């Protein structure tokens, strides 16, 4: 192989910084949803007083989510880089599709909550008691607790299946992914904080990948 070919091949490798994408996604997502859970009451029928009282906290959480989404896209790229030529088309389709659907619904739910803040700021008394407010609240709750969380569970199952078969991650981590995914699929409607299991699992997987990249760099 010529020197030019070697440089080209090296230049196309995934940057080491991409390995921390999952860590960034996990921390930002946990911080954002922690703020949202503390500011938004669990009862969907609660009055709109919480919007005025916690508007700054909710706005901060919404500003963090786009950066978490960008990091998640990088994390998907890191996983595909780990698979390389071993990537199976079936599981790759499910893995990529569920990841993009999860990200899309995350952004849509954040946009709905942001629209609620903007509308409430224009007419606080009228919008807080309006059917539009209750509708927007129901849409955001349904998106997050039903559909988005389910896609996160599917993403974990497909990623764990690929990790189990290709060994790019330890099997105990894949088994943990199966267990947590079942909790998300079944218990998300009952446990409000269950979604936190997803970024925590991504954090564990990212740390393992990051350590693997650091080890290969040391050997080189």
Protein backbone atom coordinates (compact mmCIF):
# COMPACT_ATOMS: atom_id res chain seq x y z
CA UNK A 1 0.00 0.00 0.00
CA UNK A 2 1.35 3.42 -0.95
CA UNK A 3 1.88 6.26 1.48
CA UNK A 4 -0.96 8.23 -0.13
CA UNK A 5 -3.36 5.30 0.26
CA UNK A 6 -2.36 4.93 3.89
CA UNK A 7 -2.99 8.60 4.57
CA UNK A 8 -6.36 8.43 2.82
CA UNK A 9 -7.41 5.38 4.80
CA UNK A 10 -6.35 7.01 8.06
CA UNK A 11 -8.20 10.19 7.19
CA UNK A 12 -11.46 8.29 6.70
CA UNK A 13 -11.38 6.66 10.11
CA UNK A 14 -13.85 7.75 12.73
CA UNK A 15 -12.34 10.52 14.86
CA UNK A 16 -11.60 9.62 18.45
CA UNK A 17 -13.75 12.51 19.62
CA UNK A 18 -16.80 10.79 18.12
CA UNK A 19 -16.53 8.08 20.78
CA UNK A 20 -17.65 10.55 23.46
CA UNK A 21 -20.86 11.34 21.55
CA UNK A 22 -22.85 8.82 23.58
CA UNK A 23 -21.51 10.28 26.82
CA UNK A 24 -22.54 13.77 25.74
CA UNK A 25 -25.98 12.54 24.68
CA UNK A 26 -26.51 10.72 27.97
CA UNK A 27 -25.48 13.62 30.20
CA UNK A 28 -27.45 16.24 28.25
CA UNK A 29 -30.55 14.05 28.04
CA UNK A 30 -30.48 13.22 31.76
CA UNK A 31 -30.01 16.89 32.62
CA UNK A 32 -32.77 18.02 30.27
CA UNK A 33 -35.35 15.46 31.36
CA UNK A 34 -34.42 15.96 35.00
CA UNK A 35 -35.28 19.63 34.62
CA UNK A 36 -38.50 18.84 32.77
CA UNK A 37 -39.62 16.25 35.32
CA UNK A 38 -38.99 18.69 38.15
CA UNK A 39 -40.86 21.52 36.40
CA UNK A 40 -43.82 19.72 34.77
CA UNK A 41 -46.34 17.93 37.01
CA UNK A 42 -47.00 14.27 36.34
CA UNK A 43 -50.76 14.76 36.23
CA UNK A 44 -51.80 15.61 32.63
CA UNK A 45 -54.93 17.30 33.98
CA UNK A 46 -52.99 19.77 36.14
CA UNK A 47 -53.69 23.45 35.56
CA UNK A 48 -51.30 25.60 33.57
CA UNK A 49 -49.89 27.44 36.59
CA UNK A 50 -46.66 25.40 36.33
CA UNK A 51 -45.88 26.98 32.94
CA UNK A 52 -45.57 30.47 34.40
CA UNK A 53 -43.79 29.28 37.55
CA UNK A 54 -41.16 27.15 35.77
CA UNK A 55 -40.86 28.77 32.34
CA UNK A 56 -37.13 29.50 32.66
CA UNK A 57 -36.33 25.95 33.80
CA UNK A 58 -38.35 24.42 30.96
CA UNK A 59 -36.73 26.74 28.42
CA UNK A 60 -33.27 25.69 29.61
CA UNK A 61 -34.19 22.03 29.26
CA UNK A 62 -35.53 22.60 25.74
CA UNK A 63 -32.33 24.40 24.74
CA UNK A 64 -30.26 21.38 25.80
CA UNK A 65 -32.23 18.85 23.76
CA UNK A 66 -31.02 19.86 20.25
CA UNK A 67 -27.42 19.33 21.32
CA UNK A 68 -28.36 15.97 22.82
CA UNK A 69 -29.97 15.03 19.50
CA UNK A 70 -26.85 16.00 17.54
CA UNK A 71 -24.73 13.89 19.88
CA UNK A 72 -27.13 10.95 19.41
CA UNK A 73 -26.64 11.10 15.64
CA UNK A 74 -22.89 10.89 16.22
CA UNK A 75 -23.46 7.97 18.58
CA UNK A 76 -25.35 6.09 15.86
CA UNK A 77 -22.38 6.68 13.57
CA UNK A 78 -20.01 5.35 16.24
CA UNK A 79 -22.03 2.14 16.56
CA UNK A 80 -22.02 1.61 12.80
CA UNK A 81 -18.29 2.25 12.77
CA UNK A 82 -17.85 -0.46 15.40
CA UNK A 83 -19.75 -2.94 13.23
CA UNK A 84 -17.93 -2.20 9.97
CA UNK A 85 -18.32 -5.03 7.47
CA UNK A 86 -20.14 -7.18 10.06
CA UNK A 87 -23.23 -4.98 9.85
CA UNK A 88 -26.36 -7.04 9.14
CA UNK A 89 -28.87 -5.33 6.85
CA UNK A 90 -31.95 -6.41 8.79
CA UNK A 91 -30.78 -5.32 12.22
CA UNK A 92 -29.04 -2.28 10.77
CA UNK A 93 -32.36 -1.14 9.31
CA UNK A 94 -34.20 -1.63 12.61
CA UNK A 95 -31.34 -0.02 14.54
CA UNK A 96 -31.11 3.03 12.30
CA UNK A 97 -34.88 3.39 11.82
CA UNK A 98 -35.70 3.21 15.53
CA UNK A 99 -32.90 5.64 16.36
CA UNK A 100 -34.10 8.21 13.84
CA UNK A 101 -37.74 7.79 14.89
CA UNK A 102 -36.75 8.25 18.52
CA UNK A 103 -34.83 11.41 17.66
CA UNK A 104 -37.65 12.78 15.50
CA UNK A 105 -40.28 12.29 18.20
CA UNK A 106 -37.95 13.81 20.80
CA UNK A 107 -37.69 16.97 18.72
CA UNK A 108 -41.43 17.06 17.99
CA UNK A 109 -42.29 16.71 21.69
CA UNK A 110 -39.81 19.46 22.55
CA UNK A 111 -41.32 21.70 19.86
CA UNK A 112 -44.83 21.14 21.26
CA UNK A 113 -43.69 22.10 24.77
CA UNK A 114 -41.89 25.13 23.33
CA UNK A 115 -45.05 26.17 21.52
CA UNK A 116 -46.95 25.87 24.79
CA UNK A 117 -44.48 28.24 26.44
CA UNK A 118 -44.77 30.78 23.63
CA UNK A 119 -48.58 30.68 23.56
CA UNK A 120 -48.81 30.87 27.33
CA UNK A 121 -46.56 33.92 27.37
CA UNK A 122 -48.87 35.76 24.97
CA UNK A 123 -52.12 35.11 26.86
CA UNK A 124 -51.38 33.40 30.20
CA UNK A 125 -54.88 33.32 31.66
CA UNK A 126 -56.74 32.42 28.47
CA UNK A 127 -54.35 29.77 27.15
CA UNK A 128 -53.85 28.05 30.51
CA UNK A 129 -57.57 27.24 30.70
CA UNK A 130 -58.11 26.53 27.01
CA UNK A 131 -58.69 23.19 25.25
CA UNK A 132 -55.63 23.94 23.10
CA UNK A 133 -53.43 23.87 26.20
CA UNK A 134 -54.81 20.50 27.31
CA UNK A 135 -54.46 19.14 23.78
CA UNK A 136 -50.81 20.24 23.50
CA UNK A 137 -50.06 18.76 26.92
CA UNK A 138 -51.69 15.45 25.98
CA UNK A 139 -49.76 15.31 22.69
CA UNK A 140 -46.40 15.91 24.39
CA UNK A 141 -47.12 13.33 27.12
CA UNK A 142 -48.25 10.74 24.58
CA UNK A 143 -45.24 11.32 22.34
CA UNK A 144 -42.74 10.95 25.17
CA UNK A 145 -44.29 8.27 27.39
CA UNK A 146 -45.76 6.03 24.68
CA UNK A 147 -44.10 6.34 21.30
CA UNK A 148 -40.65 7.84 21.93
CA UNK A 149 -39.89 5.54 24.85
CA UNK A 150 -41.00 2.51 22.84
CA UNK A 151 -38.63 3.46 20.01
CA UNK A 152 -35.84 3.80 22.57
CA UNK A 153 -36.62 0.25 23.69
CA UNK A 154 -36.53 -1.05 20.11
CA UNK A 155 -33.21 0.75 19.58
CA UNK A 156 -31.79 -0.95 22.67
CA UNK A 157 -33.02 -4.38 21.58
CA UNK A 158 -31.59 -4.09 18.05
CA UNK A 159 -28.29 -2.68 19.32
CA UNK A 160 -28.02 -5.40 21.97
CA UNK A 161 -28.75 -8.09 19.38
CA UNK A 162 -26.00 -6.82 17.12
CA UNK A 163 -23.62 -6.50 20.08
CA UNK A 164 -24.42 -10.06 21.17
CA UNK A 165 -23.72 -11.54 17.74
CA UNK A 166 -20.71 -9.46 16.68
CA UNK A 167 -19.09 -9.07 20.13
CA UNK A 168 -18.29 -5.38 19.60
CA UNK A 169 -19.54 -4.99 23.20
CA UNK A 170 -19.54 -7.51 26.08
CA UNK A 171 -22.49 -9.84 26.30
CA UNK A 172 -23.36 -8.73 29.83
CA UNK A 173 -23.93 -5.24 28.44
CA UNK A 174 -26.12 -6.65 25.66
CA UNK A 175 -28.08 -8.69 28.20
CA UNK A 176 -28.55 -5.59 30.33
CA UNK A 177 -29.84 -3.80 27.24
CA UNK A 178 -32.49 -6.50 26.71
CA UNK A 179 -33.63 -6.25 30.33
CA UNK A 180 -33.84 -2.46 30.38
CA UNK A 181 -35.58 -2.43 26.99
CA UNK A 182 -38.32 -4.70 28.34
CA UNK A 183 -38.77 -2.33 31.28
CA UNK A 184 -39.14 0.56 28.85
CA UNK A 185 -41.59 -1.27 26.60
CA UNK A 186 -43.78 -2.48 29.46
CA UNK A 187 -43.33 -0.03 32.30
CA UNK A 188 -42.98 3.35 30.62
CA UNK A 189 -46.68 4.09 31.10
CA UNK A 190 -46.43 3.43 34.84
CA UNK A 191 -42.95 4.65 35.78
CA UNK A 192 -42.35 8.24 34.75
CA UNK A 193 -38.60 8.04 35.35
CA UNK A 194 -38.14 4.81 33.39
CA UNK A 195 -36.88 6.71 30.35
CA UNK A 196 -33.70 7.52 32.30
CA UNK A 197 -32.69 3.88 31.80
CA UNK A 198 -32.04 4.54 28.11
CA UNK A 199 -29.41 7.31 28.41
CA UNK A 200 -27.80 5.46 31.33
CA UNK A 201 -27.38 2.35 29.17
CA UNK A 202 -26.03 4.47 26.30
CA UNK A 203 -23.56 5.95 28.79
CA UNK A 204 -22.29 2.50 29.78
CA UNK A 205 -21.94 1.42 26.14
CA UNK A 206 -20.17 4.66 25.20
CA UNK A 207 -17.68 4.33 28.06
CA UNK A 208 -16.86 0.77 26.92
CA UNK A 209 -16.35 1.92 23.32
CA UNK A 210 -14.27 4.88 24.48
CA UNK A 211 -12.04 2.63 26.58
CA UNK A 212 -11.66 0.28 23.62
CA UNK A 213 -10.56 3.13 21.36
CA UNK A 214 -8.11 4.36 24.00
CA UNK A 215 -6.68 0.86 24.33
CA UNK A 216 -6.19 0.49 20.57
CA UNK A 217 -4.49 3.89 20.44
CA UNK A 218 -2.08 2.84 23.21
CA UNK A 219 -1.23 -0.36 21.38
CA UNK A 220 -0.59 1.57 18.17
